[in-house]
Amino acid sequence: MTKPVDIAISDQFAPFIDRQVESGRYGSPREVVEAGLRLLEQEQRKLNTLRQALTDGENSGPARKIDRQSFINDLRSGL
């Protein structure tokens, strides 16, 4: 499903979009913009995942000291 949206592309990006279409990689300026939006969407998901991991880490409690051999034993036992 598509929704018509009019946007103005700045002089900074217009030549880049034109080059992408001219290269044959994209069939139209719309495809270039959609590819950029997909990348932005992926980056936002990665950022949200990272933020959640940081929050989970903060909520997991204080760090604990372990010695090297205990760490190796934990790795070997699958923890």
N, C-alpha and C. Protein backbone atom coordinates (compact mmCIF):
# COMPACT_ATOMS: atom_id res chain seq x y z
N MET A 1 0.85 -1.17 0.00
CA MET A 1 0.00 0.00 0.00
C MET A 1 0.89 1.23 0.00
N THR A 2 0.54 2.21 -0.78
CA THR A 2 1.31 3.44 -0.83
C THR A 2 0.43 4.61 -0.44
N LYS A 3 1.08 5.59 0.14
CA LYS A 3 0.40 6.82 0.51
C LYS A 3 1.16 7.96 -0.16
N PRO A 4 0.50 8.73 -1.00
CA PRO A 4 1.21 9.82 -1.67
C PRO A 4 1.67 10.87 -0.66
N VAL A 5 2.96 11.20 -0.74
CA VAL A 5 3.54 12.22 0.12
C VAL A 5 4.47 13.06 -0.74
N ASP A 6 4.31 14.35 -0.68
CA ASP A 6 5.21 15.25 -1.41
C ASP A 6 6.30 15.72 -0.47
N ILE A 7 7.55 15.54 -0.91
CA ILE A 7 8.68 16.03 -0.13
C ILE A 7 9.62 16.80 -1.04
N ALA A 8 10.31 17.75 -0.46
CA ALA A 8 11.32 18.50 -1.19
C ALA A 8 12.68 17.98 -0.75
N ILE A 9 13.50 17.59 -1.70
CA ILE A 9 14.83 17.09 -1.42
C ILE A 9 15.81 18.26 -1.48
N SER A 10 16.65 18.37 -0.48
CA SER A 10 17.61 19.47 -0.44
C SER A 10 18.66 19.31 -1.54
N ASP A 11 19.31 20.42 -1.85
CA ASP A 11 20.36 20.41 -2.86
C ASP A 11 21.50 19.47 -2.47
N GLN A 12 21.63 19.21 -1.20
CA GLN A 12 22.68 18.32 -0.72
C GLN A 12 22.44 16.88 -1.17
N PHE A 13 21.18 16.44 -1.17
CA PHE A 13 20.87 15.04 -1.45
C PHE A 13 20.41 14.77 -2.88
N ALA A 14 19.93 15.76 -3.57
CA ALA A 14 19.41 15.55 -4.93
C ALA A 14 20.44 14.93 -5.87
N PRO A 15 21.69 15.42 -5.90
CA PRO A 15 22.67 14.78 -6.79
C PRO A 15 22.96 13.33 -6.42
N PHE A 16 22.97 13.04 -5.14
CA PHE A 16 23.20 11.66 -4.69
C PHE A 16 22.09 10.75 -5.19
N ILE A 17 20.86 11.20 -5.03
CA ILE A 17 19.72 10.41 -5.49
C ILE A 17 19.81 10.19 -7.00
N ASP A 18 20.13 11.26 -7.73
CA ASP A 18 20.26 11.13 -9.18
C ASP A 18 21.34 10.12 -9.56
N ARG A 19 22.47 10.15 -8.87
CA ARG A 19 23.56 9.20 -9.17
C ARG A 19 23.14 7.76 -8.89
N GLN A 20 22.36 7.56 -7.84
CA GLN A 20 21.91 6.21 -7.52
C GLN A 20 20.99 5.67 -8.60
N VAL A 21 20.11 6.51 -9.10
CA VAL A 21 19.20 6.09 -10.17
C VAL A 21 20.00 5.85 -11.46
N GLU A 22 20.92 6.77 -11.76
CA GLU A 22 21.73 6.65 -12.98
C GLU A 22 22.60 5.39 -12.96
N SER A 23 22.99 4.96 -11.78
CA SER A 23 23.84 3.77 -11.66
C SER A 23 23.07 2.50 -12.02
N GLY A 24 21.76 2.58 -12.02
CA GLY A 24 20.93 1.42 -12.33
C GLY A 24 20.56 0.59 -11.10
N ARG A 25 21.12 0.96 -9.97
CA ARG A 25 20.82 0.20 -8.75
C ARG A 25 19.36 0.41 -8.33
N TYR A 26 18.86 1.60 -8.57
CA TYR A 26 17.47 1.93 -8.23
C TYR A 26 16.76 2.40 -9.48
N GLY A 27 15.49 2.09 -9.55
CA GLY A 27 14.71 2.45 -10.73
C GLY A 27 14.14 3.84 -10.71
N SER A 28 14.11 4.45 -9.53
CA SER A 28 13.50 5.78 -9.41
C SER A 28 13.98 6.45 -8.13
N PRO A 29 13.82 7.77 -8.06
CA PRO A 29 14.15 8.46 -6.81
C PRO A 29 13.36 7.91 -5.63
N ARG A 30 12.15 7.51 -5.88
CA ARG A 30 11.33 6.95 -4.81
C ARG A 30 11.99 5.71 -4.20
N GLU A 31 12.54 4.84 -5.06
CA GLU A 31 13.21 3.64 -4.56
C GLU A 31 14.43 4.00 -3.71
N VAL A 32 15.15 5.04 -4.09
CA VAL A 32 16.32 5.48 -3.31
C VAL A 32 15.87 5.95 -1.94
N VAL A 33 14.84 6.77 -1.90
CA VAL A 33 14.33 7.29 -0.63
C VAL A 33 13.80 6.15 0.24
N GLU A 34 13.09 5.21 -0.36
CA GLU A 34 12.57 4.07 0.41
C GLU A 34 13.70 3.23 0.99
N ALA A 35 14.77 3.04 0.22
CA ALA A 35 15.92 2.28 0.72
C ALA A 35 16.54 3.01 1.92
N GLY A 36 16.64 4.32 1.82
CA GLY A 36 17.16 5.11 2.93
C GLY A 36 16.28 5.01 4.16
N LEU A 37 14.99 5.02 3.96
CA LEU A 37 14.06 4.90 5.08
C LEU A 37 14.13 3.52 5.72
N ARG A 38 14.32 2.48 4.90
CA ARG A 38 14.49 1.14 5.46
C ARG A 38 15.74 1.07 6.34
N LEU A 39 16.83 1.67 5.88
CA LEU A 39 18.05 1.70 6.69
C LEU A 39 17.84 2.46 7.99
N LEU A 40 17.14 3.58 7.92
CA LEU A 40 16.85 4.35 9.12
C LEU A 40 16.01 3.54 10.09
N GLU A 41 15.04 2.82 9.56
CA GLU A 41 14.19 1.97 10.39
C GLU A 41 15.01 0.87 11.07
N GLN A 42 15.93 0.25 10.33
CA GLN A 42 16.80 -0.78 10.90
C GLN A 42 17.68 -0.20 12.01
N GLU A 43 18.23 0.97 11.78
CA GLU A 43 19.09 1.61 12.78
C GLU A 43 18.30 1.94 14.04
N GLN A 44 17.06 2.36 13.88
CA GLN A 44 16.22 2.66 15.04
C GLN A 44 15.94 1.39 15.84
N ARG A 45 15.70 0.28 15.14
CA ARG A 45 15.48 -0.99 15.85
C ARG A 45 16.73 -1.40 16.61
N LYS A 46 17.90 -1.26 15.99
CA LYS A 46 19.16 -1.58 16.66
C LYS A 46 19.36 -0.71 17.90
N LEU A 47 19.08 0.57 17.75
CA LEU A 47 19.23 1.50 18.87
C LEU A 47 18.28 1.14 20.00
N ASN A 48 17.04 0.81 19.67
CA ASN A 48 16.08 0.40 20.70
C ASN A 48 16.52 -0.88 21.39
N THR A 49 17.06 -1.84 20.63
CA THR A 49 17.56 -3.08 21.21
C THR A 49 18.72 -2.80 22.15
N LEU A 50 19.63 -1.93 21.74
CA LEU A 50 20.77 -1.57 22.58
C LEU A 50 20.31 -0.87 23.86
N ARG A 51 19.37 0.05 23.72
CA ARG A 51 18.85 0.74 24.91
C ARG A 51 18.20 -0.25 25.88
N GLN A 52 17.46 -1.21 25.34
CA GLN A 52 16.83 -2.21 26.20
C GLN A 52 17.88 -3.07 26.89
N ALA A 53 18.93 -3.43 26.18
CA ALA A 53 20.00 -4.23 26.77
C ALA A 53 20.69 -3.45 27.89
N LEU A 54 20.89 -2.16 27.68
CA LEU A 54 21.49 -1.33 28.73
C LEU A 54 20.59 -1.26 29.96
N THR A 55 19.30 -1.08 29.72
CA THR A 55 18.35 -1.04 30.83
C THR A 55 18.33 -2.37 31.57
N ASP A 56 18.31 -3.47 30.82
CA ASP A 56 18.33 -4.80 31.45
C ASP A 56 19.59 -4.98 32.28
N GLY A 57 20.72 -4.52 31.76
CA GLY A 57 21.97 -4.63 32.49
C GLY A 57 21.96 -3.81 33.77
N GLU A 58 21.43 -2.60 33.69
CA GLU A 58 21.34 -1.75 34.88
C GLU A 58 20.42 -2.37 35.92
N ASN A 59 19.36 -3.02 35.46
CA ASN A 59 18.39 -3.61 36.38
C ASN A 59 18.81 -4.98 36.91
N SER A 60 19.90 -5.52 36.39
CA SER A 60 20.31 -6.86 36.80
C SER A 60 21.06 -6.88 38.13
N GLY A 61 21.33 -5.72 38.65
CA GLY A 61 22.00 -5.66 39.94
C GLY A 61 23.46 -5.29 39.80
N PRO A 62 24.12 -5.18 40.93
CA PRO A 62 25.52 -4.75 40.90
C PRO A 62 26.42 -5.84 40.31
N ALA A 63 27.53 -5.38 39.77
CA ALA A 63 28.51 -6.32 39.22
C ALA A 63 29.13 -7.11 40.37
N ARG A 64 29.52 -8.32 40.06
CA ARG A 64 30.16 -9.13 41.10
C ARG A 64 31.54 -9.53 40.61
N LYS A 65 32.44 -9.66 41.55
CA LYS A 65 33.80 -10.06 41.20
C LYS A 65 33.86 -11.57 41.06
N ILE A 66 34.56 -12.00 40.03
CA ILE A 66 34.81 -13.43 39.87
C ILE A 66 36.27 -13.59 39.47
N ASP A 67 36.80 -14.73 39.80
CA ASP A 67 38.18 -14.97 39.40
C ASP A 67 38.19 -15.62 38.01
N ARG A 68 39.33 -15.60 37.41
CA ARG A 68 39.49 -16.08 36.04
C ARG A 68 39.05 -17.53 35.89
N GLN A 69 39.46 -18.38 36.78
CA GLN A 69 39.13 -19.81 36.66
C GLN A 69 37.62 -20.04 36.79
N SER A 70 36.97 -19.31 37.68
CA SER A 70 35.51 -19.43 37.81
C SER A 70 34.82 -19.02 36.51
N PHE A 71 35.32 -17.96 35.90
CA PHE A 71 34.76 -17.49 34.64
C PHE A 71 34.90 -18.57 33.56
N ILE A 72 36.08 -19.16 33.47
CA ILE A 72 36.32 -20.21 32.48
C ILE A 72 35.43 -21.42 32.76
N ASN A 73 35.29 -21.79 34.02
CA ASN A 73 34.43 -22.91 34.38
C ASN A 73 32.98 -22.64 34.00
N ASP A 74 32.52 -21.41 34.25
CA ASP A 74 31.15 -21.03 33.88
C ASP A 74 30.96 -21.14 32.37
N LEU A 75 31.94 -20.68 31.60
CA LEU A 75 31.84 -20.77 30.14
C LEU A 75 31.74 -22.22 29.69
N ARG A 76 32.55 -23.05 30.28
CA ARG A 76 32.57 -24.47 29.88
C ARG A 76 31.29 -25.20 30.28
N SER A 77 30.68 -24.76 31.36
CA SER A 77 29.46 -25.43 31.82
C SER A 77 28.21 -24.90 31.11
N GLY A 78 28.40 -23.87 30.27
CA GLY A 78 27.27 -23.36 29.50
C GLY A 78 26.50 -22.25 30.17
N LEU A 79 27.01 -21.68 31.22
CA LEU A 79 26.33 -20.57 31.89
C LEU A 79 26.57 -19.27 31.17
